Amino acid sequence: MGKNPPLWGGILLINLNLSIMEKFLKQLANIPNDKLLHFFYGTIIGFICILFFGVGGFVLTLLIAVLKEIIDYFRYGKMGYWKFSIQESCKDILFTSTPALMMVIISLF
């Protein structure tokens, strides 16, 4: 009969996976609440758009995200209250449109 692999190898692998998972969870905890809200609402908007428009729903979700940031600029930026930079707006657009892109990729396969 063949020999069983040593137990320590499995424990080492589990410990390695746990440390990777711990690092991943710590990184998730560092995501700002604003970005999580963009991801959440992007998921809802993306689902509805893709449900009705298929793959074109991603483009519509991206357009909605861009229009939302333009509205924010005119609402807050013109009043001197522009606390977000262009870089932050681009991150907001990315976090809003990413769920729709994920749904399109899943639907293609």
Protein backbone atom coordinates (compact mmCIF):
# COMPACT_ATOMS: atom_id res chain seq x y z
CA MET A 1 0.00 0.00 0.00
CA GLY A 2 1.09 3.56 -0.64
CA LYS A 3 2.23 5.87 2.08
CA ASN A 4 0.00 8.71 3.24
CA PRO A 5 1.45 12.20 2.86
CA PRO A 6 2.77 13.69 6.09
CA LEU A 7 0.22 15.56 8.15
CA TRP A 8 2.45 18.59 8.65
CA GLY A 9 2.24 19.41 4.93
CA GLY A 10 -1.52 19.80 5.14
CA ILE A 11 -1.27 21.92 8.26
CA LEU A 12 1.35 24.13 6.62
CA LEU A 13 -0.93 24.61 3.60
CA ILE A 14 -3.90 25.48 5.82
CA ASN A 15 -1.80 27.95 7.81
CA LEU A 16 -0.55 29.53 4.58
CA ASN A 17 -4.12 29.88 3.27
CA LEU A 18 -5.29 31.40 6.56
CA SER A 19 -2.55 34.00 6.51
CA ILE A 20 -3.44 34.94 2.93
CA MET A 21 -7.12 35.13 3.90
CA GLU A 22 -6.31 37.27 6.96
CA LYS A 23 -4.33 39.70 4.79
CA PHE A 24 -7.20 39.82 2.28
CA LEU A 25 -9.78 40.53 5.00
CA LYS A 26 -7.61 43.28 6.49
CA GLN A 27 -7.42 44.92 3.06
CA LEU A 28 -11.20 44.69 2.68
CA ALA A 29 -11.64 46.42 6.02
CA ASN A 30 -9.62 49.38 4.72
CA ILE A 31 -12.03 50.17 1.86
CA PRO A 32 -13.79 53.48 2.62
CA ASN A 33 -17.54 53.36 3.27
CA ASP A 34 -18.18 55.71 0.33
CA LYS A 35 -16.61 53.25 -2.10
CA LEU A 36 -18.60 50.35 -0.63
CA LEU A 37 -21.80 52.32 -1.16
CA HIS A 38 -20.79 52.97 -4.80
CA PHE A 39 -20.19 49.23 -5.24
CA PHE A 40 -23.53 48.36 -3.62
CA TYR A 41 -25.59 50.80 -5.69
CA GLY A 42 -23.58 49.90 -8.78
CA THR A 43 -24.61 46.29 -8.24
CA ILE A 44 -28.29 47.23 -8.11
CA ILE A 45 -28.10 49.61 -11.08
CA GLY A 46 -25.98 47.18 -13.09
CA PHE A 47 -28.33 44.27 -12.42
CA ILE A 48 -31.36 46.24 -13.58
CA CYS A 49 -29.60 47.63 -16.66
CA ILE A 50 -28.17 44.26 -17.70
CA LEU A 51 -31.52 42.57 -17.06
CA PHE A 52 -33.24 44.89 -19.54
CA PHE A 53 -30.43 45.76 -21.99
CA GLY A 54 -28.04 42.79 -21.87
CA VAL A 55 -24.37 43.57 -22.39
CA GLY A 56 -25.29 47.16 -23.29
CA GLY A 57 -26.41 47.52 -19.69
CA PHE A 58 -22.76 47.85 -18.70
CA VAL A 59 -22.40 50.91 -20.91
CA LEU A 60 -25.57 52.35 -19.43
CA THR A 61 -24.30 51.70 -15.88
CA LEU A 62 -21.00 53.40 -16.75
CA LEU A 63 -22.90 56.37 -18.21
CA ILE A 64 -25.03 56.65 -15.05
CA ALA A 65 -21.88 56.59 -12.89
CA VAL A 66 -20.23 59.34 -14.96
CA LEU A 67 -23.39 61.48 -14.93
CA LYS A 68 -23.64 61.10 -11.16
CA GLU A 69 -20.09 62.43 -10.74
CA ILE A 70 -20.82 65.32 -13.14
CA ILE A 71 -23.92 66.20 -11.11
CA ASP A 72 -21.83 66.07 -7.93
CA TYR A 73 -19.32 68.43 -9.50
CA PHE A 74 -21.99 70.99 -10.40
CA ARG A 75 -23.76 70.56 -7.06
CA TYR A 76 -20.70 70.84 -4.83
CA GLY A 77 -17.81 72.02 -6.99
CA LYS A 78 -19.31 75.28 -8.17
CA MET A 79 -20.12 76.28 -4.58
CA GLY A 80 -16.50 75.97 -3.50
CA TYR A 81 -17.29 72.79 -1.61
CA TRP A 82 -15.45 70.50 -4.00
CA LYS A 83 -13.90 68.11 -1.50
CA PHE A 84 -13.32 65.32 -3.99
CA SER A 85 -10.56 65.35 -6.53
CA ILE A 86 -10.78 64.07 -10.08
CA GLN A 87 -8.92 60.98 -8.89
CA GLU A 88 -11.62 60.28 -6.28
CA SER A 89 -14.35 60.75 -8.87
CA CYS A 90 -12.64 58.23 -11.13
CA LYS A 91 -12.47 55.78 -8.22
CA ASP A 92 -16.19 56.33 -7.60
CA ILE A 93 -16.95 55.59 -11.26
CA LEU A 94 -14.78 52.47 -11.08
CA PHE A 95 -16.48 51.17 -7.93
CA THR A 96 -19.93 51.87 -9.40
CA SER A 97 -19.33 50.21 -12.77
CA THR A 98 -17.23 47.21 -11.68
CA PRO A 99 -20.21 45.06 -10.56
CA ALA A 100 -21.86 45.51 -13.95
CA LEU A 101 -18.65 44.48 -15.70
CA MET A 102 -18.45 41.40 -13.49
CA MET A 103 -22.05 40.50 -14.38
CA VAL A 104 -21.34 40.88 -18.11
CA ILE A 105 -18.26 38.66 -17.86
CA ILE A 106 -20.24 36.01 -15.97
CA SER A 107 -23.11 36.17 -18.46
CA LEU A 108 -20.75 35.60 -21.40
CA PHE A 109 -19.48 32.32 -20.00
